[in-house]
Amino acid sequence: MPDHAHWLLQLHGGESLAVLVGRLKSASARRANAALGRRSPVWATGYHDRAVRSEQALSDVARYLVANPLRRGLVERIGDYPYWDAVWL
């Protein structure tokens, strides 16, 4: 998405979601700023999360996320989006 990101994450070990999201935001912001030759904020503070509690809910969420570029009109077919694939599908 051009103005936000959707991540479907699975936690392992003792790392909290807040720590993992912080690490993802930090690493991606460093790379984006390096590629753009700037030093400015990339992400808004905070995030929205949703717990997935069943295999069916996991498949539903993954399908929703994969179809987002199609619903937003970024592609004509899901397969045209370079990041469409998910291990959960």
PDB file of N, CA and C in Angstrom:
ATOM      1  N   MET A   1       0.839  -1.176   0.000  1.00  0.00           N
ATOM      2  CA  MET A   1       0.000   0.000   0.000  1.00  0.00           C
ATOM      3  C   MET A   1       0.889   1.245   0.000  1.00  0.00           C
ATOM      4  N   PRO A   2       0.494   2.251  -0.713  1.00  0.00           N
ATOM      5  CA  PRO A   2       1.347   3.432  -0.787  1.00  0.00           C
ATOM      6  C   PRO A   2       1.395   4.248   0.504  1.00  0.00           C
ATOM      7  N   ASP A   3       0.413   4.110   1.378  1.00  0.00           N
ATOM      8  CA  ASP A   3       0.384   4.967   2.559  1.00  0.00           C
ATOM      9  C   ASP A   3       0.352   4.205   3.888  1.00  0.00           C
ATOM     10  N   HIS A   4       0.475   2.886   3.851  1.00  0.00           N
ATOM     11  CA  HIS A   4       0.528   2.103   5.084  1.00  0.00           C
ATOM     12  C   HIS A   4       1.011   0.691   4.772  1.00  0.00           C
ATOM     13  N   ALA A   5       1.264  -0.067   5.796  1.00  0.00           N
ATOM     14  CA  ALA A   5       1.734  -1.442   5.615  1.00  0.00           C
ATOM     15  C   ALA A   5       0.847  -2.393   6.402  1.00  0.00           C
ATOM     16  N   HIS A   6       0.682  -3.581   5.850  1.00  0.00           N
ATOM     17  CA  HIS A   6       0.008  -4.665   6.558  1.00  0.00           C
ATOM     18  C   HIS A   6       1.024  -5.780   6.724  1.00  0.00           C
ATOM     19  N   TRP A   7       1.216  -6.201   7.944  1.00  0.00           N
ATOM     20  CA  TRP A   7       2.118  -7.314   8.218  1.00  0.00           C
ATOM     21  C   TRP A   7       1.347  -8.388   8.948  1.00  0.00           C
ATOM     22  N   LEU A   8       1.546  -9.610   8.558  1.00  0.00           N
ATOM     23  CA  LEU A   8       0.970 -10.754   9.249  1.00  0.00           C
ATOM     24  C   LEU A   8       2.148 -11.460   9.903  1.00  0.00           C
ATOM     25  N   LEU A   9       2.241 -11.339  11.216  1.00  0.00           N
ATOM     26  CA  LEU A   9       3.410 -11.797  11.954  1.00  0.00           C
ATOM     27  C   LEU A   9       3.064 -12.925  12.904  1.00  0.00           C
ATOM     28  N   GLN A  10       4.020 -13.806  13.108  1.00  0.00           N
ATOM     29  CA  GLN A  10       3.876 -14.863  14.093  1.00  0.00           C
ATOM     30  C   GLN A  10       4.987 -14.680  15.110  1.00  0.00           C
ATOM     31  N   LEU A  11       4.611 -14.569  16.376  1.00  0.00           N
ATOM     32  CA  LEU A  11       5.588 -14.362  17.439  1.00  0.00           C
ATOM     33  C   LEU A  11       6.202 -15.690  17.861  1.00  0.00           C
ATOM     34  N   HIS A  12       7.480 -15.653  18.145  1.00  0.00           N
ATOM     35  CA  HIS A  12       8.205 -16.820  18.650  1.00  0.00           C
ATOM     36  C   HIS A  12       8.960 -16.413  19.904  1.00  0.00           C
ATOM     37  N   GLY A  13       9.162 -17.349  20.778  1.00  0.00           N
ATOM     38  CA  GLY A  13       9.949 -17.071  21.974  1.00  0.00           C
ATOM     39  C   GLY A  13       9.279 -16.034  22.846  1.00  0.00           C
ATOM     40  N   GLY A  14      10.077 -15.256  23.523  1.00  0.00           N
ATOM     41  CA  GLY A  14       9.550 -14.282  24.461  1.00  0.00           C
ATOM     42  C   GLY A  14       9.416 -12.875  23.927  1.00  0.00           C
ATOM     43  N   GLU A  15       9.706 -12.665  22.642  1.00  0.00           N
ATOM     44  CA  GLU A  15       9.644 -11.307  22.095  1.00  0.00           C
ATOM     45  C   GLU A  15       8.197 -10.839  21.990  1.00  0.00           C
ATOM     46  N   SER A  16       7.945  -9.621  22.437  1.00  0.00           N
ATOM     47  CA  SER A  16       6.588  -9.071  22.379  1.00  0.00           C
ATOM     48  C   SER A  16       6.306  -8.492  20.996  1.00  0.00           C
ATOM     49  N   LEU A  17       5.041  -8.333  20.691  1.00  0.00           N
ATOM     50  CA  LEU A  17       4.644  -7.714  19.431  1.00  0.00           C
ATOM     51  C   LEU A  17       5.191  -6.291  19.340  1.00  0.00           C
ATOM     52  N   ALA A  18       5.129  -5.558  20.431  1.00  0.00           N
ATOM     53  CA  ALA A  18       5.617  -4.171  20.429  1.00  0.00           C
ATOM     54  C   ALA A  18       7.101  -4.108  20.061  1.00  0.00           C
ATOM     55  N   VAL A  19       7.899  -5.018  20.592  1.00  0.00           N
ATOM     56  CA  VAL A  19       9.335  -5.039  20.281  1.00  0.00           C
ATOM     57  C   VAL A  19       9.551  -5.406  18.818  1.00  0.00           C
ATOM     58  N   LEU A  20       8.838  -6.405  18.339  1.00  0.00           N
ATOM     59  CA  LEU A  20       8.987  -6.830  16.946  1.00  0.00           C
ATOM     60  C   LEU A  20       8.572  -5.729  15.979  1.00  0.00           C
ATOM     61  N   VAL A  21       7.457  -5.083  16.223  1.00  0.00           N
ATOM     62  CA  VAL A  21       7.012  -3.988  15.356  1.00  0.00           C
ATOM     63  C   VAL A  21       8.031  -2.845  15.393  1.00  0.00           C
ATOM     64  N   GLY A  22       8.547  -2.544  16.569  1.00  0.00           N
ATOM     65  CA  GLY A  22       9.571  -1.506  16.677  1.00  0.00           C
ATOM     66  C   GLY A  22      10.808  -1.827  15.856  1.00  0.00           C
ATOM     67  N   ARG A  23      11.232  -3.078  15.900  1.00  0.00           N
ATOM     68  CA  ARG A  23      12.398  -3.489  15.116  1.00  0.00           C
ATOM     69  C   ARG A  23      12.122  -3.410  13.619  1.00  0.00           C
ATOM     70  N   LEU A  24      10.942  -3.850  13.190  1.00  0.00           N
ATOM     71  CA  LEU A  24      10.588  -3.768  11.769  1.00  0.00           C
ATOM     72  C   LEU A  24      10.539  -2.319  11.284  1.00  0.00           C
ATOM     73  N   LYS A  25       9.900  -1.470  12.068  1.00  0.00           N
ATOM     74  CA  LYS A  25       9.799  -0.056  11.690  1.00  0.00           C
ATOM     75  C   LYS A  25      11.174   0.600  11.642  1.00  0.00           C
ATOM     76  N   SER A  26      12.006   0.309  12.620  1.00  0.00           N
ATOM     77  CA  SER A  26      13.336   0.901  12.680  1.00  0.00           C
ATOM     78  C   SER A  26      14.191   0.478  11.488  1.00  0.00           C
ATOM     79  N   ALA A  27      14.244  -0.832  11.226  1.00  0.00           N
ATOM     80  CA  ALA A  27      15.064  -1.336  10.129  1.00  0.00           C
ATOM     81  C   ALA A  27      14.572  -0.824   8.780  1.00  0.00           C
ATOM     82  N   SER A  28      13.260  -0.837   8.565  1.00  0.00           N
ATOM     83  CA  SER A  28      12.742  -0.385   7.276  1.00  0.00           C
ATOM     84  C   SER A  28      12.918   1.123   7.106  1.00  0.00           C
ATOM     85  N   ALA A  29      12.792   1.883   8.171  1.00  0.00           N
ATOM     86  CA  ALA A  29      13.002   3.337   8.085  1.00  0.00           C
ATOM     87  C   ALA A  29      14.457   3.657   7.753  1.00  0.00           C
ATOM     88  N   ARG A  30      15.388   2.928   8.369  1.00  0.00           N
ATOM     89  CA  ARG A  30      16.813   3.149   8.052  1.00  0.00           C
ATOM     90  C   ARG A  30      17.083   2.871   6.574  1.00  0.00           C
ATOM     91  N   ARG A  31      16.539   1.774   6.074  1.00  0.00           N
ATOM     92  CA  ARG A  31      16.774   1.417   4.668  1.00  0.00           C
ATOM     93  C   ARG A  31      16.103   2.411   3.722  1.00  0.00           C
ATOM     94  N   ALA A  32      14.885   2.820   4.022  1.00  0.00           N
ATOM     95  CA  ALA A  32      14.190   3.795   3.169  1.00  0.00           C
ATOM     96  C   ALA A  32      14.929   5.121   3.158  1.00  0.00           C
ATOM     97  N   ASN A  33      15.335   5.589   4.323  1.00  0.00           N
ATOM     98  CA  ASN A  33      16.059   6.857   4.389  1.00  0.00           C
ATOM     99  C   ASN A  33      17.404   6.774   3.667  1.00  0.00           C
ATOM    100  N   ALA A  34      18.098   5.640   3.787  1.00  0.00           N
ATOM    101  CA  ALA A  34      19.372   5.481   3.077  1.00  0.00           C
ATOM    102  C   ALA A  34      19.145   5.496   1.571  1.00  0.00           C
ATOM    103  N   ALA A  35      18.107   4.807   1.103  1.00  0.00           N
ATOM    104  CA  ALA A  35      17.818   4.766  -0.332  1.00  0.00           C
ATOM    105  C   ALA A  35      17.416   6.131  -0.872  1.00  0.00           C
ATOM    106  N   LEU A  36      16.752   6.931  -0.039  1.00  0.00           N
ATOM    107  CA  LEU A  36      16.278   8.244  -0.462  1.00  0.00           C
ATOM    108  C   LEU A  36      17.249   9.367  -0.128  1.00  0.00           C
ATOM    109  N   GLY A  37      18.336   9.031   0.572  1.00  0.00           N
ATOM    110  CA  GLY A  37      19.330  10.042   0.938  1.00  0.00           C
ATOM    111  C   GLY A  37      18.795  11.082   1.897  1.00  0.00           C
ATOM    112  N   ARG A  38      18.038  10.655   2.871  1.00  0.00           N
ATOM    113  CA  ARG A  38      17.463  11.600   3.824  1.00  0.00           C
ATOM    114  C   ARG A  38      17.498  11.027   5.236  1.00  0.00           C
ATOM    115  N   ARG A  39      17.133  11.847   6.178  1.00  0.00           N
ATOM    116  CA  ARG A  39      17.027  11.431   7.582  1.00  0.00           C
ATOM    117  C   ARG A  39      15.746  12.039   8.142  1.00  0.00           C
ATOM    118  N   SER A  40      14.653  11.351   7.967  1.00  0.00           N
ATOM    119  CA  SER A  40      13.379  11.870   8.447  1.00  0.00           C
ATOM    120  C   SER A  40      12.484  10.706   8.876  1.00  0.00           C
ATOM    121  N   PRO A  41      11.467  10.997   9.656  1.00  0.00           N
ATOM    122  CA  PRO A  41      10.562   9.928  10.091  1.00  0.00           C
ATOM    123  C   PRO A  41       9.871   9.263   8.898  1.00  0.00           C
ATOM    124  N   VAL A  42       9.703   7.966   8.989  1.00  0.00           N
ATOM    125  CA  VAL A  42       9.013   7.205   7.957  1.00  0.00           C
ATOM    126  C   VAL A  42       7.653   6.740   8.476  1.00  0.00           C
ATOM    127  N   TRP A  43       7.617   6.286   9.705  1.00  0.00           N
ATOM    128  CA  TRP A  43       6.428   5.692  10.294  1.00  0.00           C
ATOM    129  C   TRP A  43       5.793   6.597  11.330  1.00  0.00           C
ATOM    130  N   ALA A  44       4.480   6.519  11.415  1.00  0.00           N
ATOM    131  CA  ALA A  44       3.766   7.163  12.524  1.00  0.00           C
ATOM    132  C   ALA A  44       4.017   6.342  13.783  1.00  0.00           C
ATOM    133  N   THR A  45       3.867   6.956  14.918  1.00  0.00           N
ATOM    134  CA  THR A  45       4.011   6.213  16.162  1.00  0.00           C
ATOM    135  C   THR A  45       2.809   5.290  16.345  1.00  0.00           C
ATOM    136  N   GLY A  46       3.030   4.206  17.034  1.00  0.00           N
ATOM    137  CA  GLY A  46       1.954   3.272  17.323  1.00  0.00           C
ATOM    138  C   GLY A  46       1.632   2.367  16.153  1.00  0.00           C
ATOM    139  N   TYR A  47       0.675   1.500  16.369  1.00  0.00           N
ATOM    140  CA  TYR A  47       0.219   0.559  15.354  1.00  0.00           C
ATOM    141  C   TYR A  47      -1.101  -0.035  15.819  1.00  0.00           C
ATOM    142  N   HIS A  48      -1.783  -0.676  14.897  1.00  0.00           N
ATOM    143  CA  HIS A  48      -3.040  -1.368  15.220  1.00  0.00           C
ATOM    144  C   HIS A  48      -2.788  -2.854  15.074  1.00  0.00           C
ATOM    145  N   ASP A  49      -3.224  -3.632  16.045  1.00  0.00           N
ATOM    146  CA  ASP A  49      -3.031  -5.072  15.948  1.00  0.00           C
ATOM    147  C   ASP A  49      -4.349  -5.810  16.091  1.00  0.00           C
ATOM    148  N   ARG A  50      -4.317  -7.036  15.639  1.00  0.00           N
ATOM    149  CA  ARG A  50      -5.490  -7.897  15.723  1.00  0.00           C
ATOM    150  C   ARG A  50      -4.991  -9.316  15.961  1.00  0.00           C
ATOM    151  N   ALA A  51      -5.458  -9.959  17.002  1.00  0.00           N
ATOM    152  CA  ALA A  51      -5.058 -11.332  17.296  1.00  0.00           C
ATOM    153  C   ALA A  51      -5.809 -12.292  16.387  1.00  0.00           C
ATOM    154  N   VAL A  52      -5.114 -13.282  15.900  1.00  0.00           N
ATOM    155  CA  VAL A  52      -5.702 -14.327  15.078  1.00  0.00           C
ATOM    156  C   VAL A  52      -5.716 -15.593  15.922  1.00  0.00           C
ATOM    157  N   ARG A  53      -6.900 -16.144  16.128  1.00  0.00           N
ATOM    158  CA  ARG A  53      -7.035 -17.233  17.089  1.00  0.00           C
ATOM    159  C   ARG A  53      -7.394 -18.594  16.485  1.00  0.00           C
ATOM    160  N   SER A  54      -7.552 -18.680  15.172  1.00  0.00           N
ATOM    161  CA  SER A  54      -7.879 -19.969  14.567  1.00  0.00           C
ATOM    162  C   SER A  54      -7.243 -20.047  13.190  1.00  0.00           C
ATOM    163  N   GLU A  55      -7.109 -21.264  12.694  1.00  0.00           N
ATOM    164  CA  GLU A  55      -6.553 -21.452  11.353  1.00  0.00           C
ATOM    165  C   GLU A  55      -7.433 -20.791  10.289  1.00  0.00           C
ATOM    166  N   GLN A  56      -8.748 -20.864  10.454  1.00  0.00           N
ATOM    167  CA  GLN A  56      -9.654 -20.235   9.490  1.00  0.00           C
ATOM    168  C   GLN A  56      -9.489 -18.721   9.506  1.00  0.00           C
ATOM    169  N   ALA A  57      -9.389 -18.139  10.697  1.00  0.00           N
ATOM    170  CA  ALA A  57      -9.189 -16.692  10.798  1.00  0.00           C
ATOM    171  C   ALA A  57      -7.855 -16.296  10.165  1.00  0.00           C
ATOM    172  N   LEU A  58      -6.829 -17.116  10.326  1.00  0.00           N
ATOM    173  CA  LEU A  58      -5.524 -16.843   9.729  1.00  0.00           C
ATOM    174  C   LEU A  58      -5.630 -16.809   8.211  1.00  0.00           C
ATOM    175  N   SER A  59      -6.306 -17.787   7.628  1.00  0.00           N
ATOM    176  CA  SER A  59      -6.498 -17.801   6.175  1.00  0.00           C
ATOM    177  C   SER A  59      -7.315 -16.601   5.709  1.00  0.00           C
ATOM    178  N   ASP A  60      -8.349 -16.256   6.452  1.00  0.00           N
ATOM    179  CA  ASP A  60      -9.188 -15.106   6.087  1.00  0.00           C
ATOM    180  C   ASP A  60      -8.383 -13.812   6.096  1.00  0.00           C
ATOM    181  N   VAL A  61      -7.584 -13.612   7.131  1.00  0.00           N
ATOM    182  CA  VAL A  61      -6.763 -12.398   7.238  1.00  0.00           C
ATOM    183  C   VAL A  61      -5.728 -12.359   6.126  1.00  0.00           C
ATOM    184  N   ALA A  62      -5.068 -13.483   5.863  1.00  0.00           N
ATOM    185  CA  ALA A  62      -4.054 -13.526   4.804  1.00  0.00           C
ATOM    186  C   ALA A  62      -4.675 -13.200   3.447  1.00  0.00           C
ATOM    187  N   ARG A  63      -5.831 -13.754   3.166  1.00  0.00           N
ATOM    188  CA  ARG A  63      -6.504 -13.470   1.885  1.00  0.00           C
ATOM    189  C   ARG A  63      -6.905 -11.994   1.781  1.00  0.00           C
ATOM    190  N   TYR A  64      -7.368 -11.430   2.880  1.00  0.00           N
ATOM    191  CA  TYR A  64      -7.725 -10.013   2.893  1.00  0.00           C
ATOM    192  C   TYR A  64      -6.497  -9.156   2.571  1.00  0.00           C
ATOM    193  N   LEU A  65      -5.381  -9.454   3.213  1.00  0.00           N
ATOM    194  CA  LEU A  65      -4.168  -8.665   3.003  1.00  0.00           C
ATOM    195  C   LEU A  65      -3.656  -8.794   1.575  1.00  0.00           C
ATOM    196  N   VAL A  66      -3.667 -10.009   1.046  1.00  0.00           N
ATOM    197  CA  VAL A  66      -3.170 -10.239  -0.310  1.00  0.00           C
ATOM    198  C   VAL A  66      -4.033  -9.516  -1.345  1.00  0.00           C
ATOM    199  N   ALA A  67      -5.323  -9.410  -1.090  1.00  0.00           N
ATOM    200  CA  ALA A  67      -6.227  -8.770  -2.049  1.00  0.00           C
ATOM    201  C   ALA A  67      -6.262  -7.248  -1.923  1.00  0.00           C
ATOM    202  N   ASN A  68      -5.616  -6.693  -0.929  1.00  0.00           N
ATOM    203  CA  ASN A  68      -5.650  -5.242  -0.720  1.00  0.00           C
ATOM    204  C   ASN A  68      -5.212  -4.434  -1.950  1.00  0.00           C
ATOM    205  N   PRO A  69      -4.085  -4.755  -2.595  1.00  0.00           N
ATOM    206  CA  PRO A  69      -3.693  -3.969  -3.775  1.00  0.00           C
ATOM    207  C   PRO A  69      -4.728  -4.025  -4.892  1.00  0.00           C
ATOM    208  N   LEU A  70      -5.413  -5.147  -5.016  1.00  0.00           N
ATOM    209  CA  LEU A  70      -6.471  -5.266  -6.018  1.00  0.00           C
ATOM    210  C   LEU A  70      -7.643  -4.355  -5.662  1.00  0.00           C
ATOM    211  N   ARG A  71      -8.065  -4.377  -4.406  1.00  0.00           N
ATOM    212  CA  ARG A  71      -9.181  -3.515  -3.977  1.00  0.00           C
ATOM    213  C   ARG A  71      -8.834  -2.034  -4.109  1.00  0.00           C
ATOM    214  N   ARG A  72      -7.577  -1.682  -3.896  1.00  0.00           N
ATOM    215  CA  ARG A  72      -7.151  -0.286  -3.995  1.00  0.00           C
ATOM    216  C   ARG A  72      -6.885   0.156  -5.431  1.00  0.00           C
ATOM    217  N   GLY A  73      -6.965  -0.769  -6.387  1.00  0.00           N
ATOM    218  CA  GLY A  73      -6.748  -0.419  -7.783  1.00  0.00           C
ATOM    219  C   GLY A  73      -5.290  -0.309  -8.182  1.00  0.00           C
ATOM    220  N   LEU A  74      -4.378  -0.868  -7.387  1.00  0.00           N
ATOM    221  CA  LEU A  74      -2.953  -0.806  -7.719  1.00  0.00           C
ATOM    222  C   LEU A  74      -2.572  -1.824  -8.792  1.00  0.00           C
ATOM    223  N   VAL A  75      -3.350  -2.888  -8.903  1.00  0.00           N
ATOM    224  CA  VAL A  75      -3.127  -3.926  -9.909  1.00  0.00           C
ATOM    225  C   VAL A  75      -4.477  -4.388 -10.454  1.00  0.00           C
ATOM    226  N   GLU A  76      -4.427  -5.041 -11.607  1.00  0.00           N
ATOM    227  CA  GLU A  76      -5.657  -5.594 -12.173  1.00  0.00           C
ATOM    228  C   GLU A  76      -5.892  -7.030 -11.735  1.00  0.00           C
ATOM    229  N   ARG A  77      -4.813  -7.738 -11.397  1.00  0.00           N
ATOM    230  CA  ARG A  77      -4.898  -9.113 -10.905  1.00  0.00           C
ATOM    231  C   ARG A  77      -3.994  -9.244  -9.682  1.00  0.00           C
ATOM    232  N   ILE A  78      -4.383 -10.062  -8.735  1.00  0.00           N
ATOM    233  CA  ILE A  78      -3.582 -10.241  -7.523  1.00  0.00           C
ATOM    234  C   ILE A  78      -2.162 -10.665  -7.873  1.00  0.00           C
ATOM    235  N   GLY A  79      -2.012 -11.566  -8.830  1.00  0.00           N
ATOM    236  CA  GLY A  79      -0.690 -12.049  -9.220  1.00  0.00           C
ATOM    237  C   GLY A  79       0.217 -10.984  -9.806  1.00  0.00           C
ATOM    238  N   ASP A  80      -0.329  -9.820 -10.196  1.00  0.00           N
ATOM    239  CA  ASP A  80       0.485  -8.725 -10.725  1.00  0.00           C
ATOM    240  C   ASP A  80       1.235  -7.974  -9.623  1.00  0.00           C
ATOM    241  N   TYR A  81       0.789  -8.110  -8.386  1.00  0.00           N
ATOM    242  CA  TYR A  81       1.455  -7.415  -7.274  1.00  0.00           C
ATOM    243  C   TYR A  81       2.667  -8.245  -6.856  1.00  0.00           C
ATOM    244  N   PRO A  82       3.863  -7.666  -6.842  1.00  0.00           N
ATOM    245  CA  PRO A  82       5.067  -8.471  -6.622  1.00  0.00           C
ATOM    246  C   PRO A  82       5.162  -9.112  -5.237  1.00  0.00           C
ATOM    247  N   TYR A  83       4.398  -8.645  -4.273  1.00  0.00           N
ATOM    248  CA  TYR A  83       4.484  -9.182  -2.909  1.00  0.00           C
ATOM    249  C   TYR A  83       3.201  -9.896  -2.503  1.00  0.00           C
ATOM    250  N   TRP A  84       2.507 -10.491  -3.463  1.00  0.00           N
ATOM    251  CA  TRP A  84       1.187 -11.058  -3.210  1.00  0.00           C
ATOM    252  C   TRP A  84       1.229 -12.368  -2.453  1.00  0.00           C
ATOM    253  N   ASP A  85       2.315 -13.108  -2.508  1.00  0.00           N
ATOM    254  CA  ASP A  85       2.356 -14.445  -1.963  1.00  0.00           C
ATOM    255  C   ASP A  85       2.502 -14.431  -0.444  1.00  0.00           C
ATOM    256  N   ALA A  86       1.911 -15.420   0.205  1.00  0.00           N
ATOM    257  CA  ALA A  86       2.001 -15.563   1.660  1.00  0.00           C
ATOM    258  C   ALA A  86       2.059 -17.042   2.000  1.00  0.00           C
ATOM    259  N   VAL A  87       2.873 -17.409   2.957  1.00  0.00           N
ATOM    260  CA  VAL A  87       3.005 -18.814   3.330  1.00  0.00           C
ATOM    261  C   VAL A  87       1.703 -19.363   3.907  1.00  0.00           C
ATOM    262  N   TRP A  88       0.801 -18.490   4.323  1.00  0.00           N
ATOM    263  CA  TRP A  88      -0.450 -18.940   4.943  1.00  0.00           C
ATOM    264  C   TRP A  88      -1.523 -19.289   3.929  1.00  0.00           C
ATOM    265  N   LEU A  89      -1.303 -19.007   2.653  1.00  0.00           N
ATOM    266  CA  LEU A  89      -2.346 -19.261   1.655  1.00  0.00           C
ATOM    267  C   LEU A  89      -2.204 -20.644   1.048  1.00  0.00           C
TER     268      LEU A  89
END
